[in-house]
């Protein structure tokens, strides 16, 4: 085995049971043999070298390309052993230098003007829609669910997320609502069923736009909900409520001030905005290189210390902040298990290499939320702190009412055609 790789693993893996078979068919054991064993085979010497020199990228690429073969356990189990142990040690100096170099290039990597943002979105969201049917809930909500218990099924947790966000928007009849990054339309359509409101959903994905409009027509909500192919920077008008879920991760640090400046311009003086995004408990960092290269080009997960300064400069008021800690880990576990259960379907359509890439993405994301410093935050913003009720009780009351309504939907809520 390449000596630097063995040196890293000897220092890193102190708990768990990891066996690596190198390119010369020699078996090396790491850890204290606690927990279920994980056995992986490295196919060639060059992969050993890359795993030592640039592990954050090389692990994903080697697994995707079939040069890192998991013979016992799964890629999730391998990442879990690594990340569980990682908190107890420091990376060797050369690996820290690589990560520091990535951080220096962050402004360039996160530079997302309109055309580049459209291209980045197409890379991920304009894939064949049948892929997302394999692992998402029935409403195709591709963001962190809200688990009211640790045993809540995925579809129920995603419905709870919609209620949670609707309650924070403090809805009433007659409002104009903007959904920035509306995905396949699930949240926008739900809000139109919750109150007599006008909803505009904007996306940069042609595939999502087509499906969202089809759903609105099928539900009889085309007059209440309109979906447009539009970058938020090009939108004009005033809205009483603005919501954005899972989109801020694609804005890029260099655009944070312009993003919140645009929110301020679009939001009415007595309006309310809710931003739902992945975040970091720690300070600023670089994007995982495998995720940046293959999954979400131009994406970045912000620390709160990067989000609050541009909000303050644009004179927006943070009226509520909630941290969802392990909810995304639970969401990703459901997605990963559903995807693995449908592997044969995905492989027939997209190929084995794509399936390994997608599994690596889901496994890396889940372990990141379980064992690293990732979380989800929901920020509520206004221009005037007096526009909302005095305590947070209104959120809980609205959520209870929506839960009751959702469990016994009235016939007109299934197909109301106008706001």
Protein backbone atom coordinates (compact mmCIF):
# COMPACT_ATOMS: atom_id res chain seq x y z
CA UNK A 1 0.00 0.00 0.00
CA UNK A 2 1.17 3.52 -0.77
CA UNK A 3 2.94 4.54 2.44
CA UNK A 4 1.34 7.99 2.92
CA UNK A 5 -2.11 6.40 2.57
CA UNK A 6 -1.29 3.79 5.19
CA UNK A 7 0.14 6.53 7.44
CA UNK A 8 -3.11 8.52 7.20
CA UNK A 9 -5.31 5.53 7.87
CA UNK A 10 -3.20 4.32 10.81
CA UNK A 11 -3.61 7.73 12.43
CA UNK A 12 -7.23 8.25 11.41
CA UNK A 13 -9.05 4.96 11.96
CA UNK A 14 -8.90 4.20 15.68
CA UNK A 15 -12.47 2.91 16.12
CA UNK A 16 -14.55 0.71 13.86
CA UNK A 17 -13.47 -2.18 11.64
CA UNK A 18 -12.04 -1.28 8.23
CA UNK A 19 -10.18 -3.70 5.97
CA UNK A 20 -8.54 -2.41 2.81
CA UNK A 21 -7.21 -4.72 0.11
CA UNK A 22 -4.53 -2.91 -1.89
CA UNK A 23 -3.58 -3.20 -5.55
CA UNK A 24 -1.19 -6.07 -4.71
CA UNK A 25 -4.03 -8.03 -3.05
CA UNK A 26 -2.65 -7.46 0.47
CA UNK A 27 -5.14 -6.93 3.30
CA UNK A 28 -4.66 -4.15 5.86
CA UNK A 29 -6.83 -3.81 8.94
CA UNK A 30 -7.62 -0.49 10.67
CA UNK A 31 -9.56 0.34 13.82
CA UNK A 32 -10.40 -1.55 17.01
CA UNK A 33 -12.73 -4.10 15.32
CA UNK A 34 -15.81 -2.59 16.95
CA UNK A 35 -18.98 -2.46 14.90
CA UNK A 36 -19.77 -4.20 11.62
CA UNK A 37 -16.74 -4.76 9.35
CA UNK A 38 -16.30 -2.85 6.12
CA UNK A 39 -14.13 -4.37 3.41
CA UNK A 40 -12.99 -2.35 0.38
CA UNK A 41 -10.63 -3.15 -2.48
CA UNK A 42 -8.40 -0.59 -4.24
CA UNK A 43 -7.98 -1.59 -7.88
CA UNK A 44 -4.66 0.04 -8.79
CA UNK A 45 -1.60 1.87 -7.47
CA UNK A 46 -2.60 5.23 -8.96
CA UNK A 47 -5.86 5.16 -6.99
CA UNK A 48 -3.86 4.53 -3.78
CA UNK A 49 -1.77 7.62 -4.52
CA UNK A 50 -4.81 9.78 -5.30
CA UNK A 51 -6.61 8.63 -2.13
CA UNK A 52 -3.63 9.83 -0.09
CA UNK A 53 -3.08 13.13 -1.88
CA UNK A 54 -6.65 14.31 -2.43
CA UNK A 55 -9.05 12.02 -0.52
CA UNK A 56 -12.12 14.30 -0.56
CA UNK A 57 -12.29 14.08 -4.35
CA UNK A 58 -10.56 10.74 -4.93
CA UNK A 59 -12.86 8.60 -2.76
CA UNK A 60 -15.91 9.64 -4.74
CA UNK A 61 -14.26 9.36 -8.14
CA UNK A 62 -12.68 5.99 -7.34
CA UNK A 63 -16.00 4.56 -6.15
CA UNK A 64 -17.86 6.03 -9.12
CA UNK A 65 -15.34 4.64 -11.62
CA UNK A 66 -15.19 1.18 -10.02
CA UNK A 67 -11.61 1.56 -8.77
CA UNK A 68 -12.72 1.47 -5.12
CA UNK A 69 -14.88 -1.62 -4.72
CA UNK A 70 -16.91 -2.18 -1.56
CA UNK A 71 -16.85 -5.93 -0.91
CA UNK A 72 -18.58 -5.87 2.46
CA UNK A 73 -20.86 -3.08 3.65
CA UNK A 74 -21.71 -0.01 1.56
CA UNK A 75 -20.04 3.26 0.59
CA UNK A 76 -22.08 4.86 3.36
CA UNK A 77 -20.54 2.47 5.90
CA UNK A 78 -17.03 3.37 4.69
CA UNK A 79 -17.69 7.12 4.91
CA UNK A 80 -19.28 6.68 8.34
CA UNK A 81 -16.13 5.04 9.74
CA UNK A 82 -13.94 7.78 8.28
CA UNK A 83 -16.03 10.73 9.49
CA UNK A 84 -16.68 9.27 12.94
CA UNK A 85 -12.92 9.12 13.45
CA UNK A 86 -12.09 12.37 11.70
CA UNK A 87 -13.24 14.64 14.53
CA UNK A 88 -10.57 13.23 16.84
CA UNK A 89 -7.50 14.03 14.70
CA UNK A 90 -6.06 16.65 12.40
CA UNK A 91 -5.44 16.01 8.75
CA UNK A 92 -1.79 15.84 7.66
CA UNK A 93 -0.38 19.21 6.68
CA UNK A 94 -0.43 18.59 2.93
CA UNK A 95 -4.13 17.81 3.01
CA UNK A 96 -4.85 21.01 4.93
CA UNK A 97 -2.92 22.96 2.29
CA UNK A 98 -5.16 21.49 -0.45
CA UNK A 99 -8.26 22.52 1.49
CA UNK A 100 -6.85 26.02 2.09
CA UNK A 101 -6.23 26.34 -1.65
CA UNK A 102 -9.86 25.44 -2.33
CA UNK A 103 -10.98 28.13 0.11
CA UNK A 104 -8.89 30.74 -1.70
CA UNK A 105 -10.64 29.98 -4.98
CA UNK A 106 -14.12 30.04 -3.42
CA UNK A 107 -15.13 33.48 -4.79
CA UNK A 108 -14.37 32.31 -8.33
CA UNK A 109 -16.11 28.96 -7.86
CA UNK A 110 -19.19 30.69 -6.40
CA UNK A 111 -19.39 33.38 -9.08
CA UNK A 112 -22.83 32.71 -10.55
CA UNK A 113 -24.00 35.35 -13.04
CA UNK A 114 -27.33 34.72 -14.74
CA UNK A 115 -26.07 32.54 -17.61
CA UNK A 116 -23.79 30.46 -15.43
CA UNK A 117 -26.53 30.02 -12.83
CA UNK A 118 -28.87 28.70 -15.54
CA UNK A 119 -26.19 26.28 -16.75
CA UNK A 120 -25.48 25.05 -13.22
CA UNK A 121 -29.16 24.41 -12.58
CA UNK A 122 -29.54 22.51 -15.85
CA UNK A 123 -26.60 20.25 -14.89
CA UNK A 124 -28.58 18.82 -11.97
CA UNK A 125 -32.26 19.62 -12.27
CA UNK A 126 -32.80 19.06 -16.00
CA UNK A 127 -31.89 15.40 -15.75
CA UNK A 128 -34.50 12.85 -16.77
CA UNK A 129 -37.36 13.38 -14.34
CA UNK A 130 -37.77 9.64 -13.84
CA UNK A 131 -34.58 9.71 -11.75
CA UNK A 132 -36.22 11.81 -9.04
CA UNK A 133 -39.28 9.61 -8.98
CA UNK A 134 -37.03 6.80 -7.74
CA UNK A 135 -36.23 8.42 -4.41
CA UNK A 136 -38.24 11.58 -3.70
CA UNK A 137 -41.67 11.75 -2.06
CA UNK A 138 -44.85 11.85 -4.13
CA UNK A 139 -44.77 15.67 -4.17
CA UNK A 140 -41.15 15.74 -5.45
CA UNK A 141 -39.86 17.98 -2.66
CA UNK A 142 -36.10 18.01 -3.12
CA UNK A 143 -35.07 19.63 0.16
CA UNK A 144 -34.88 18.85 3.87
CA UNK A 145 -38.08 17.37 5.30
CA UNK A 146 -39.42 18.21 8.78
CA UNK A 147 -39.69 15.11 10.96
CA UNK A 148 -42.17 15.61 13.79
CA UNK A 149 -40.97 12.26 15.23
CA UNK A 150 -37.98 10.08 14.39
CA UNK A 151 -40.35 7.49 12.92
CA UNK A 152 -42.31 9.81 10.60
CA UNK A 153 -42.47 8.48 7.00
CA UNK A 154 -40.82 10.65 4.35
CA UNK A 155 -44.04 11.77 2.63
CA UNK A 156 -45.53 12.85 5.95
CA UNK A 157 -42.33 14.68 6.91
CA UNK A 158 -42.35 16.60 3.63
CA UNK A 159 -45.99 17.54 4.17
CA UNK A 160 -45.03 18.73 7.66
CA UNK A 161 -42.27 20.88 6.13
CA UNK A 162 -44.82 22.64 3.93
CA UNK A 163 -47.02 23.31 6.96
CA UNK A 164 -44.01 24.56 8.93
CA UNK A 165 -43.09 27.06 6.22
CA UNK A 166 -46.68 28.17 5.62
CA UNK A 167 -47.08 28.88 9.34
CA UNK A 168 -43.97 31.06 9.34
CA UNK A 169 -45.32 33.05 6.39
CA UNK A 170 -48.35 34.04 8.49
CA UNK A 171 -50.71 33.71 5.54
CA UNK A 172 -54.08 35.34 5.01
CA UNK A 173 -56.38 35.71 2.02
CA UNK A 174 -55.52 38.18 -0.71
CA UNK A 175 -51.72 38.01 -0.47
CA UNK A 176 -49.28 37.91 -3.37
CA UNK A 177 -46.60 35.28 -2.79
CA UNK A 178 -43.28 34.68 -4.53
CA UNK A 179 -41.54 31.29 -4.41
CA UNK A 180 -37.89 31.69 -5.49
CA UNK A 181 -36.58 28.35 -6.71
CA UNK A 182 -39.98 26.70 -6.90
CA UNK A 183 -38.72 23.27 -7.96
CA UNK A 184 -41.46 20.98 -9.20
CA UNK A 185 -44.11 23.23 -7.71
CA UNK A 186 -45.05 21.37 -4.53
CA UNK A 187 -44.79 24.24 -2.06
CA UNK A 188 -46.34 26.87 -4.33
CA UNK A 189 -49.33 24.65 -5.03
CA UNK A 190 -49.74 23.87 -1.34
CA UNK A 191 -49.76 27.58 -0.42
CA UNK A 192 -52.47 28.20 -3.02
CA UNK A 193 -54.56 25.50 -1.37
CA UNK A 194 -53.95 26.93 2.09
CA UNK A 195 -55.37 30.41 1.52
CA UNK A 196 -56.94 32.48 -1.27
CA UNK A 197 -53.62 33.84 -2.51
CA UNK A 198 -51.79 34.46 -5.77
CA UNK A 199 -48.51 32.57 -6.04
CA UNK A 200 -45.69 33.11 -8.52
CA UNK A 201 -43.05 30.40 -8.66
CA UNK A 202 -39.78 31.00 -10.50
CA UNK A 203 -37.18 28.43 -11.54
CA UNK A 204 -34.20 28.18 -13.88
CA UNK A 205 -34.97 24.58 -14.82
CA UNK A 206 -36.88 23.94 -18.05
CA UNK A 207 -37.81 20.46 -16.82
CA UNK A 208 -39.15 21.73 -13.50
CA UNK A 209 -41.09 24.52 -15.20
CA UNK A 210 -42.84 22.08 -17.54
CA UNK A 211 -43.84 19.71 -14.74
CA UNK A 212 -44.94 22.53 -12.40
CA UNK A 213 -47.27 23.98 -15.01
CA UNK A 214 -48.69 20.55 -15.80
CA UNK A 215 -49.37 19.97 -12.10
CA UNK A 216 -51.09 23.34 -11.72
CA UNK A 217 -53.37 22.56 -14.67
CA UNK A 218 -54.15 19.08 -13.39
CA UNK A 219 -55.06 20.45 -9.94
CA UNK A 220 -57.20 23.26 -11.37
CA UNK A 221 -54.88 25.90 -9.89
CA UNK A 222 -53.57 27.58 -13.05
CA UNK A 223 -55.23 30.90 -12.16
CA UNK A 224 -53.95 30.87 -8.61
CA UNK A 225 -50.38 29.71 -9.30
CA UNK A 226 -48.14 30.85 -12.13
CA UNK A 227 -44.71 29.38 -12.82
CA UNK A 228 -42.08 31.28 -14.78
CA UNK A 229 -38.59 30.57 -16.11
CA UNK A 230 -36.84 33.51 -14.49
CA UNK A 231 -33.73 34.42 -12.54
CA UNK A 232 -34.61 36.24 -9.32
CA UNK A 233 -32.35 39.12 -10.40
CA UNK A 234 -34.59 39.81 -13.40
CA UNK A 235 -37.88 39.82 -11.53
CA UNK A 236 -39.83 43.01 -10.86
CA UNK A 237 -42.87 43.85 -8.76
CA UNK A 238 -43.96 43.71 -5.14
CA UNK A 239 -44.95 40.71 -3.06
CA UNK A 240 -46.51 40.36 0.38
CA UNK A 241 -44.69 37.10 1.07
CA UNK A 242 -41.48 35.62 -0.30
CA UNK A 243 -40.32 32.07 0.33
CA UNK A 244 -37.21 30.33 -0.91
CA UNK A 245 -36.41 26.70 -0.15
CA UNK A 246 -33.17 24.98 -1.14
CA UNK A 247 -32.17 27.70 -3.58
CA UNK A 248 -29.83 29.90 -1.51
CA UNK A 249 -27.12 27.21 -1.68
CA UNK A 250 -26.81 28.06 -5.40
CA UNK A 251 -26.55 31.85 -5.03
CA UNK A 252 -22.81 32.05 -4.28
CA UNK A 253 -21.05 34.16 -1.67
CA UNK A 254 -20.20 36.94 -4.10
CA UNK A 255 -23.92 37.47 -4.75
CA UNK A 256 -25.26 37.46 -1.19
CA UNK A 257 -25.59 41.21 -0.95
CA UNK A 258 -27.36 41.51 -4.30
CA UNK A 259 -29.65 38.62 -3.32
CA UNK A 260 -30.83 40.31 -0.14
CA UNK A 261 -30.98 43.67 -1.89
CA UNK A 262 -33.38 42.07 -4.38
CA UNK A 263 -35.42 40.52 -1.57
CA UNK A 264 -35.75 43.99 -0.05
CA UNK A 265 -36.91 45.48 -3.34
CA UNK A 266 -39.44 42.73 -4.03
CA UNK A 267 -40.86 42.57 -0.50
CA UNK A 268 -43.66 44.94 0.48
CA UNK A 269 -43.16 47.23 3.47
CA UNK A 270 -45.30 44.97 5.68
CA UNK A 271 -44.17 41.77 3.98
CA UNK A 272 -42.59 38.61 5.36
CA UNK A 273 -39.88 36.47 3.77
CA UNK A 274 -38.77 32.98 4.80
CA UNK A 275 -35.45 31.53 3.66
CA UNK A 276 -34.77 27.79 4.06
CA UNK A 277 -31.17 26.74 3.34
CA UNK A 278 -28.44 24.31 4.24
CA UNK A 279 -25.84 25.93 6.50
CA UNK A 280 -22.74 25.23 8.58
CA UNK A 281 -22.32 25.26 12.33
CA UNK A 282 -18.68 26.22 11.89
CA UNK A 283 -17.20 29.13 9.98
CA UNK A 284 -16.75 29.55 6.22
CA UNK A 285 -15.31 26.56 4.38
CA UNK A 286 -14.93 25.15 0.88
CA UNK A 287 -17.42 23.01 -0.99
CA UNK A 288 -16.76 19.28 -1.07
CA UNK A 289 -14.84 18.89 -4.35
CA UNK A 290 -16.74 15.78 -5.48
CA UNK A 291 -20.10 17.51 -4.95
CA UNK A 292 -18.86 20.67 -6.69
CA UNK A 293 -17.52 18.77 -9.71
CA UNK A 294 -20.23 16.21 -10.32
CA UNK A 295 -23.41 17.19 -8.50
CA UNK A 296 -23.86 20.91 -7.75
CA UNK A 297 -21.39 23.06 -9.73
CA UNK A 298 -21.34 26.59 -8.34
CA UNK A 299 -22.97 25.48 -5.08
CA UNK A 300 -21.84 26.58 -1.64
CA UNK A 301 -23.10 25.93 1.90
CA UNK A 302 -22.85 29.14 3.95
CA UNK A 303 -22.03 29.73 7.57
CA UNK A 304 -24.46 32.02 9.37
CA UNK A 305 -21.59 34.47 9.83
CA UNK A 306 -21.63 34.90 6.03
CA UNK A 307 -25.40 35.33 5.81
CA UNK A 308 -26.13 37.90 8.51
CA UNK A 309 -23.82 40.75 7.36
CA UNK A 310 -25.51 41.24 3.94
CA UNK A 311 -28.94 41.03 5.62
CA UNK A 312 -27.93 43.77 8.03
CA UNK A 313 -26.44 45.93 5.28
CA UNK A 314 -29.70 45.76 3.33
CA UNK A 315 -31.62 46.76 6.50
CA UNK A 316 -33.73 43.65 6.65
CA UNK A 317 -34.83 42.46 10.09
CA UNK A 318 -34.32 38.84 11.19
CA UNK A 319 -37.50 38.11 13.15
CA UNK A 320 -36.97 34.39 13.61
CA UNK A 321 -34.20 31.81 13.19
CA UNK A 322 -34.64 28.05 13.54
CA UNK A 323 -31.94 25.41 13.19
CA UNK A 324 -32.95 21.94 11.96
CA UNK A 325 -30.09 19.72 13.06
CA UNK A 326 -30.56 16.10 11.99
CA UNK A 327 -33.68 16.48 9.86
CA UNK A 328 -31.69 16.46 6.62
CA UNK A 329 -29.71 13.40 7.69
CA UNK A 330 -33.03 11.58 8.12
CA UNK A 331 -34.27 12.90 4.77
CA UNK A 332 -31.14 11.75 2.99
CA UNK A 333 -31.32 8.32 4.59
CA UNK A 334 -34.81 7.87 3.13
CA UNK A 335 -33.59 9.06 -0.28
CA UNK A 336 -30.51 6.82 -0.21
CA UNK A 337 -32.49 3.73 0.82
CA UNK A 338 -35.14 4.39 -1.83
CA UNK A 339 -32.48 4.90 -4.49
CA UNK A 340 -30.65 1.68 -3.57
CA UNK A 341 -33.97 -0.20 -3.63
CA UNK A 342 -34.51 1.05 -7.21
CA UNK A 343 -30.90 0.52 -8.31
CA UNK A 344 -31.76 -1.92 -11.10
CA UNK A 345 -34.24 0.54 -12.59
CA UNK A 346 -31.73 3.42 -12.44
CA UNK A 347 -28.91 1.27 -13.82
CA UNK A 348 -30.98 0.18 -16.82
CA UNK A 349 -31.65 3.80 -17.69
CA UNK A 350 -28.56 5.70 -16.52
CA UNK A 351 -25.81 3.07 -16.17
CA UNK A 352 -23.90 1.61 -13.22
CA UNK A 353 -21.34 4.45 -13.11
CA UNK A 354 -24.08 7.05 -12.74
CA UNK A 355 -25.71 4.99 -9.99
CA UNK A 356 -22.46 4.80 -8.05
CA UNK A 357 -21.98 8.55 -8.47
CA UNK A 358 -25.50 9.25 -7.19
CA UNK A 359 -25.14 6.85 -4.26
CA UNK A 360 -21.84 8.51 -3.36
CA UNK A 361 -23.55 11.91 -3.38
CA UNK A 362 -26.40 10.76 -1.14
CA UNK A 363 -24.08 8.89 1.24
CA UNK A 364 -21.61 11.78 1.49
CA UNK A 365 -24.41 14.24 2.15
CA UNK A 366 -26.01 12.08 4.85
CA UNK A 367 -22.73 11.43 6.68
CA UNK A 368 -21.94 15.14 6.40
CA UNK A 369 -25.12 16.00 8.28
CA UNK A 370 -24.62 13.24 10.85
CA UNK A 371 -20.93 13.62 11.63
CA UNK A 372 -19.75 17.00 10.36
CA UNK A 373 -20.96 20.54 10.90
CA UNK A 374 -23.90 20.72 8.50
CA UNK A 375 -27.44 21.77 9.40
CA UNK A 376 -30.45 23.52 7.90
CA UNK A 377 -31.60 26.98 8.93
CA UNK A 378 -34.88 28.80 8.39
CA UNK A 379 -34.68 32.59 8.53
CA UNK A 380 -37.75 34.80 8.75
CA UNK A 381 -37.18 38.34 7.48
CA UNK A 382 -39.23 41.54 7.48
CA UNK A 383 -38.63 45.24 6.95
CA UNK A 384 -40.52 46.16 10.11
CA UNK A 385 -40.41 44.06 13.28
CA UNK A 386 -43.97 45.14 14.17
CA UNK A 387 -45.68 43.38 11.25
CA UNK A 388 -45.79 40.00 13.01
CA UNK A 389 -47.57 38.92 16.22
CA UNK A 390 -45.83 39.53 19.52
CA UNK A 391 -44.92 35.88 20.23
CA UNK A 392 -44.27 32.78 18.15
CA UNK A 393 -47.59 31.25 19.22
CA UNK A 394 -49.15 32.18 15.87
CA UNK A 395 -46.80 29.74 14.13
CA UNK A 396 -47.79 26.83 16.36
CA UNK A 397 -51.49 27.64 16.07
CA UNK A 398 -51.31 27.87 12.28
CA UNK A 399 -49.40 24.62 12.09
CA UNK A 400 -51.97 22.81 14.23
CA UNK A 401 -54.82 24.13 12.06
CA UNK A 402 -53.03 23.08 8.87
CA UNK A 403 -52.31 19.63 10.26
CA UNK A 404 -55.99 19.18 11.04
CA UNK A 405 -57.02 20.49 7.64
CA UNK A 406 -54.52 18.27 5.82
CA UNK A 407 -55.81 15.20 7.60
CA UNK A 408 -59.42 16.05 6.55
CA UNK A 409 -59.16 18.03 3.28
CA UNK A 410 -62.33 19.73 2.06
CA UNK A 411 -63.35 18.94 -1.56
CA UNK A 412 -62.75 22.52 -2.72
CA UNK A 413 -59.15 22.43 -1.45
CA UNK A 414 -58.33 19.74 -3.97
CA UNK A 415 -59.10 21.85 -7.03
CA UNK A 416 -59.69 25.53 -6.39
CA UNK A 417 -59.20 27.26 -9.73
CA UNK A 418 -58.76 30.89 -8.71
CA UNK A 419 -57.28 32.86 -5.87
